[in-house]
Amino acid sequence: MMRGSWGQSKLLTKKSWAVIRTHRYLLLFPVLGFLASLIPLAVFWIPAAWLFVNDQIAAGVVLAIVGLFANQIVLSIASGGLVASADVELSGGSSSIGHGIGRALVRIFPLIGWALIATVINVIVGFIRGNGNGGAASAMRNLAAAGVLAMWQLITFFVLPFIMLDGLGPIKAVKASFALFKQKWGTQIFGGVRIGGLVALVTGVPGILLAAVGFFAASSETSALVPLGVGLVIIGVIIVMIGGLVLSTMRGIFSVVLFRYAKDGVVEGDFTESELTGAVRTSS
C-alpha cells in the first residue's frame, strides 16, 4: 500500500520507536554522547569565547575548531557504539551499553578520522552561512548552507555502519555510503530519509513555542512573570533536547536497518521491504 511522505515518516518512526521500547538502553548512547560532549565546551569553547571577547580572533577560531573536532570525536564514539549494539539486537543477539562502547573504542582511529571529516564539513558550512547580517544575501547563504548540510547528511547516512560493521576507513566509508545510495535509489534523491518527523512535531514544536513564550514573559516589565518565563524556557529547552536525543537514537537504529537492506537485501525488525524502499525521498 502506497503512503504519502508524512504517512511513511510516521510509520517508520513508530517502528523505530518500537525497537527502542524493546531495547531501552539504546537511548543511553546519545545521552552519554551529549553529556560527554560538554567536556569540549568547558575545555575549548569557553576559553575560545574569552579570546573572541578580547579581540584575539585568530586564536579564538583555532581553539573553537579544535573544540568542534573534540566534540565530533565524542559524538562519533557514542554513535558508533549505538550502531554496533543496534546491529546485534536487530540480528537477534544481545548487546549492552558497555559492549557497544567497547566496539566503538576498537574502531577509535577510523572514528577519529570520520570526526575530522565531519569537522571540516561543518567549518565549510559555517563559512558558507557567513556572519548572518541579514538581508537577501544572508538568506541565500543560509539556504545554500542548509542544502549542502542536508545533502551531506544524506549521502553519509551509512558511514558509521560501514565503519563499525564492515571495517572500512572513513574516506572509503564516505565513498561506499554515497555509492550504496546511488545504487539503491539512484541520483534523484532529495530531502533525506523519512524518519523522525513525528518526533520533531511532538517535541520540537511545543518545545520551541514554550521557550518563545517564556522568553517574552521573562523579558516583560512585570517582575512576577520573570520566574514563570524562565521556567517555561527551561521546560521548552528540555523538551527539545529530549526530542533530539530520541531522534538521534532512531536515526542510529534506522541507519543499521536501511544499511542491511540496501547492502545485503536483509529486512530486519518489524519493517517491510516496501517501507524500506520508500524510506528515501526521490524525485520520481
Protein backbone atom coordinates (compact mmCIF):
# COMPACT_ATOMS: atom_id res chain seq x y z
CA MET A 1 0.00 0.00 0.00
CA MET A 2 1.48 3.34 -1.05
CA ARG A 3 1.70 6.07 1.56
CA GLY A 4 2.36 9.76 1.38
CA SER A 5 5.59 11.28 2.65
CA TRP A 6 4.13 12.12 6.07
CA GLY A 7 2.42 8.75 6.43
CA GLN A 8 5.65 6.94 5.53
CA SER A 9 7.66 9.00 8.00
CA LYS A 10 5.10 8.40 10.75
CA LEU A 11 5.12 4.65 10.16
CA LEU A 12 8.92 4.35 10.10
CA THR A 13 9.18 6.50 13.22
CA LYS A 14 6.68 4.33 15.11
CA LYS A 15 8.50 1.14 14.15
CA SER A 16 11.88 2.62 15.12
CA TRP A 17 10.35 3.66 18.44
CA ALA A 18 9.18 0.06 18.93
CA VAL A 19 12.81 -1.06 18.68
CA ILE A 20 13.77 1.50 21.35
CA ARG A 21 10.96 0.33 23.63
CA THR A 22 12.26 -3.23 23.37
CA HIS A 23 15.89 -2.20 23.94
CA ARG A 24 15.63 0.94 26.07
CA TYR A 25 19.33 1.06 26.86
CA LEU A 26 19.97 2.21 23.28
CA LEU A 27 18.78 5.66 24.37
CA LEU A 28 21.82 5.85 26.67
CA PHE A 29 24.23 6.16 23.74
CA PRO A 30 23.13 9.66 22.63
CA VAL A 31 22.62 10.68 26.28
CA LEU A 32 26.19 9.71 27.15
CA GLY A 33 27.39 11.33 23.94
CA PHE A 34 25.64 14.57 24.84
CA LEU A 35 26.96 14.61 28.41
CA ALA A 36 30.49 13.77 27.30
CA SER A 37 30.32 16.45 24.59
CA LEU A 38 30.04 19.06 27.35
CA ILE A 39 33.71 18.42 28.18
CA PRO A 40 34.99 20.12 24.98
CA LEU A 41 32.65 23.00 25.82
CA ALA A 42 34.48 23.59 29.07
CA VAL A 43 37.97 22.79 27.81
CA PHE A 44 37.96 24.59 24.44
CA TRP A 45 34.87 26.69 23.72
CA ILE A 46 34.73 28.72 26.93
CA PRO A 47 38.38 29.84 26.51
CA ALA A 48 37.64 30.45 22.80
CA ALA A 49 34.75 32.72 23.78
CA TRP A 50 37.09 34.63 26.12
CA LEU A 51 39.57 35.08 23.26
CA PHE A 52 36.82 36.41 20.97
CA VAL A 53 35.69 38.89 23.62
CA ASN A 54 39.27 40.11 23.95
CA ASP A 55 39.65 40.54 20.16
CA GLN A 56 42.04 37.61 19.77
CA ILE A 57 40.01 36.35 16.84
CA ALA A 58 42.55 34.06 15.16
CA ALA A 59 43.41 32.20 18.35
CA GLY A 60 39.71 32.01 19.22
CA VAL A 61 38.83 30.49 15.84
CA VAL A 62 41.59 27.87 16.13
CA LEU A 63 40.51 26.91 19.65
CA ALA A 64 36.85 26.77 18.61
CA ILE A 65 37.65 24.45 15.68
CA VAL A 66 39.75 22.20 17.93
CA GLY A 67 36.80 22.10 20.33
CA LEU A 68 34.45 21.20 17.49
CA PHE A 69 36.79 18.38 16.46
CA ALA A 70 36.94 17.04 20.04
CA ASN A 71 33.15 17.29 20.23
CA GLN A 72 32.79 15.31 17.00
CA ILE A 73 35.10 12.58 18.31
CA VAL A 74 32.94 12.13 21.41
CA LEU A 75 29.73 12.04 19.39
CA SER A 76 31.24 9.63 16.85
CA ILE A 77 32.20 7.18 19.59
CA ALA A 78 28.68 7.29 21.07
CA SER A 79 27.05 6.95 17.65
CA GLY A 80 29.39 4.14 16.67
CA GLY A 81 28.51 2.28 19.86
CA LEU A 82 24.80 2.72 19.10
CA VAL A 83 25.25 1.31 15.59
CA ALA A 84 27.21 -1.69 16.89
CA SER A 85 24.67 -2.54 19.61
CA ALA A 86 21.65 -1.94 17.38
CA ASP A 87 23.08 -4.31 14.77
CA VAL A 88 23.49 -7.07 17.35
CA GLU A 89 19.98 -6.59 18.75
CA LEU A 90 18.29 -6.40 15.34
CA SER A 91 20.00 -9.61 14.23
CA GLY A 92 18.64 -11.47 17.27
CA GLY A 93 21.66 -11.22 19.56
CA SER A 94 22.12 -9.48 22.90
CA SER A 95 24.24 -6.39 23.46
CA SER A 96 24.73 -3.70 26.10
CA ILE A 97 25.98 -0.16 26.54
CA GLY A 98 29.41 -1.49 27.54
CA HIS A 99 29.59 -3.81 24.57
CA GLY A 100 28.66 -1.03 22.15
CA ILE A 101 31.18 1.47 23.54
CA GLY A 102 33.82 -1.25 23.59
CA ARG A 103 33.20 -1.96 19.90
CA ALA A 104 33.47 1.76 19.17
CA LEU A 105 36.77 2.08 21.03
CA VAL A 106 38.18 -0.80 18.97
CA ARG A 107 37.38 1.34 15.89
CA ILE A 108 38.59 4.57 17.55
CA PHE A 109 41.03 5.64 14.82
CA PRO A 110 38.55 5.36 11.92
CA LEU A 111 36.01 7.18 14.11
CA ILE A 112 38.53 9.96 14.77
CA GLY A 113 39.10 10.19 11.02
CA TRP A 114 35.36 10.46 10.45
CA ALA A 115 35.16 13.15 13.15
CA LEU A 116 37.87 15.11 11.33
CA ILE A 117 35.96 14.92 8.04
CA ALA A 118 32.73 15.98 9.78
CA THR A 119 34.53 18.91 11.40
CA VAL A 120 35.89 20.12 8.05
CA ILE A 121 32.40 19.95 6.52
CA ASN A 122 30.88 21.85 9.46
CA VAL A 123 33.52 24.56 9.15
CA ILE A 124 32.87 24.86 5.39
CA VAL A 125 29.11 25.09 6.02
CA GLY A 126 29.81 27.77 8.63
CA PHE A 127 31.79 29.82 6.10
CA ILE A 128 29.00 29.43 3.53
CA ARG A 129 26.46 30.60 6.11
CA GLY A 130 28.57 33.66 6.94
CA ASN A 131 28.04 36.04 9.84
CA GLY A 132 24.27 36.35 9.38
CA ASN A 133 24.00 40.11 8.90
CA GLY A 134 20.50 39.75 7.46
CA GLY A 135 19.09 40.69 4.08
CA ALA A 136 18.55 38.71 0.90
CA ALA A 137 22.21 37.75 0.53
CA SER A 138 22.31 36.31 4.05
CA ALA A 139 19.08 34.38 3.42
CA MET A 140 20.55 32.88 0.25
CA ARG A 141 23.74 31.90 2.08
CA ASN A 142 21.72 30.23 4.84
CA LEU A 143 19.66 28.38 2.24
CA ALA A 144 22.80 27.20 0.43
CA ALA A 145 24.40 26.08 3.71
CA ALA A 146 21.26 24.18 4.70
CA GLY A 147 21.18 22.48 1.30
CA VAL A 148 24.83 21.42 1.50
CA LEU A 149 24.37 20.10 5.04
CA ALA A 150 21.19 18.18 4.17
CA MET A 151 22.80 16.52 1.15
CA TRP A 152 25.93 15.70 3.15
CA GLN A 153 23.89 14.08 5.92
CA LEU A 154 22.03 12.02 3.35
CA ILE A 155 24.98 10.68 1.37
CA THR A 156 26.88 9.89 4.60
CA PHE A 157 23.92 8.14 6.26
CA PHE A 158 25.72 4.79 6.01
CA VAL A 159 29.19 5.97 7.02
CA LEU A 160 29.03 4.72 10.61
CA PRO A 161 27.58 1.32 9.61
CA PHE A 162 30.37 0.93 7.05
CA ILE A 163 32.99 1.90 9.67
CA MET A 164 31.54 -0.16 12.52
CA LEU A 165 30.08 -3.16 10.72
CA ASP A 166 32.24 -3.54 7.60
CA GLY A 167 35.53 -2.28 9.00
CA LEU A 168 36.11 0.46 6.42
CA GLY A 169 38.19 3.58 6.97
CA PRO A 170 36.43 6.97 7.00
CA ILE A 171 37.21 8.05 3.41
CA LYS A 172 36.28 4.66 1.96
CA ALA A 173 33.14 4.68 4.13
CA VAL A 174 32.03 8.05 2.71
CA LYS A 175 32.57 6.79 -0.85
CA ALA A 176 30.80 3.50 -0.09
CA SER A 177 27.86 5.27 1.55
CA PHE A 178 27.32 7.50 -1.47
CA ALA A 179 27.76 4.56 -3.87
CA LEU A 180 25.21 2.47 -1.95
CA PHE A 181 22.63 5.26 -2.03
CA LYS A 182 23.23 5.77 -5.74
CA GLN A 183 22.96 2.05 -6.43
CA LYS A 184 19.74 1.58 -4.46
CA TRP A 185 17.88 4.85 -5.01
CA GLY A 186 19.64 6.48 -7.97
CA THR A 187 20.82 10.08 -8.15
CA GLN A 188 17.40 11.77 -7.98
CA ILE A 189 17.40 11.95 -4.18
CA PHE A 190 16.21 14.94 -2.22
CA GLY A 191 15.11 15.81 1.30
CA GLY A 192 16.59 12.89 3.16
CA VAL A 193 15.46 9.73 4.91
CA ARG A 194 11.83 9.63 6.03
CA ILE A 195 12.43 9.12 9.74
CA GLY A 196 11.64 11.18 12.84
CA GLY A 197 9.09 13.65 11.50
CA LEU A 198 6.62 12.66 14.21
CA VAL A 199 9.23 13.18 16.94
CA ALA A 200 10.05 16.64 15.61
CA LEU A 201 6.35 17.52 15.57
CA VAL A 202 5.58 16.19 19.05
CA THR A 203 8.64 17.62 20.80
CA GLY A 204 10.14 20.34 18.62
CA VAL A 205 7.04 22.47 18.03
CA PRO A 206 5.79 22.51 21.66
CA GLY A 207 9.32 22.97 22.99
CA ILE A 208 10.04 25.95 20.74
CA LEU A 209 6.65 27.53 21.49
CA LEU A 210 7.14 27.16 25.25
CA ALA A 211 10.65 28.62 25.02
CA ALA A 212 9.39 31.55 22.90
CA VAL A 213 6.51 32.33 25.29
CA GLY A 214 8.87 32.01 28.24
CA PHE A 215 11.39 34.37 26.63
CA PHE A 216 8.77 37.08 26.12
CA ALA A 217 7.46 36.58 29.65
CA ALA A 218 10.95 36.77 31.14
CA SER A 219 11.64 39.93 29.08
CA SER A 220 8.47 41.69 30.22
CA GLU A 221 8.46 44.56 32.67
CA THR A 222 6.19 42.62 35.03
CA SER A 223 8.54 41.12 37.60
CA ALA A 224 6.01 38.47 38.60
CA LEU A 225 6.22 36.96 35.10
CA VAL A 226 10.01 36.62 35.09
CA PRO A 227 10.21 33.35 37.14
CA LEU A 228 7.38 31.87 35.06
CA GLY A 229 9.15 32.88 31.85
CA VAL A 230 12.47 31.38 32.94
CA GLY A 231 10.68 28.17 33.91
CA LEU A 232 8.95 27.94 30.55
CA VAL A 233 12.23 28.48 28.70
CA ILE A 234 13.90 25.71 30.70
CA ILE A 235 10.99 23.32 30.11
CA GLY A 236 10.94 24.15 26.41
CA VAL A 237 14.68 23.55 26.03
CA ILE A 238 14.43 20.24 27.91
CA ILE A 239 11.59 19.05 25.66
CA VAL A 240 13.57 19.93 22.52
CA MET A 241 16.66 18.17 23.92
CA ILE A 242 14.68 15.02 24.73
CA GLY A 243 13.27 15.03 21.22
CA GLY A 244 16.75 15.43 19.78
CA LEU A 245 18.11 12.51 21.81
CA VAL A 246 15.21 10.25 20.79
CA LEU A 247 15.60 11.27 17.15
CA SER A 248 19.35 10.61 17.28
CA THR A 249 18.69 7.12 18.64
CA MET A 250 16.08 6.42 15.96
CA ARG A 251 18.37 7.56 13.17
CA GLY A 252 21.19 5.36 14.50
CA ILE A 253 18.92 2.31 14.64
CA PHE A 254 17.38 3.02 11.26
CA SER A 255 20.77 3.54 9.63
CA VAL A 256 21.55 -0.10 10.53
CA VAL A 257 18.16 -1.34 9.28
CA LEU A 258 18.46 0.54 6.00
CA PHE A 259 22.14 -0.41 5.63
CA ARG A 260 21.43 -4.12 5.94
CA TYR A 261 18.55 -3.82 3.47
CA ALA A 262 20.38 -1.70 0.88
CA LYS A 263 23.64 -3.65 1.05
CA ASP A 264 22.57 -7.23 1.80
CA GLY A 265 18.86 -7.29 0.97
CA VAL A 266 18.06 -8.26 4.58
CA VAL A 267 14.89 -6.87 6.20
CA GLU A 268 15.29 -6.63 9.97
CA GLY A 269 12.96 -5.61 12.77
CA ASP A 270 9.26 -5.18 12.09
CA PHE A 271 9.88 -3.29 8.85
CA THR A 272 8.83 -4.43 5.39
CA GLU A 273 10.72 -4.27 2.12
CA SER A 274 8.29 -1.75 0.60
CA GLU A 275 8.69 0.52 3.64
CA LEU A 276 12.46 0.46 3.39
CA THR A 277 12.41 1.01 -0.37
CA GLY A 278 10.27 4.11 0.15
CA ALA A 279 12.30 5.36 3.11
CA VAL A 280 14.32 7.75 0.93
CA ARG A 281 12.57 10.56 -0.92
CA THR A 282 13.27 10.69 -4.65
CA SER A 283 12.04 12.97 -7.41
CA SER A 284 10.30 10.15 -9.26
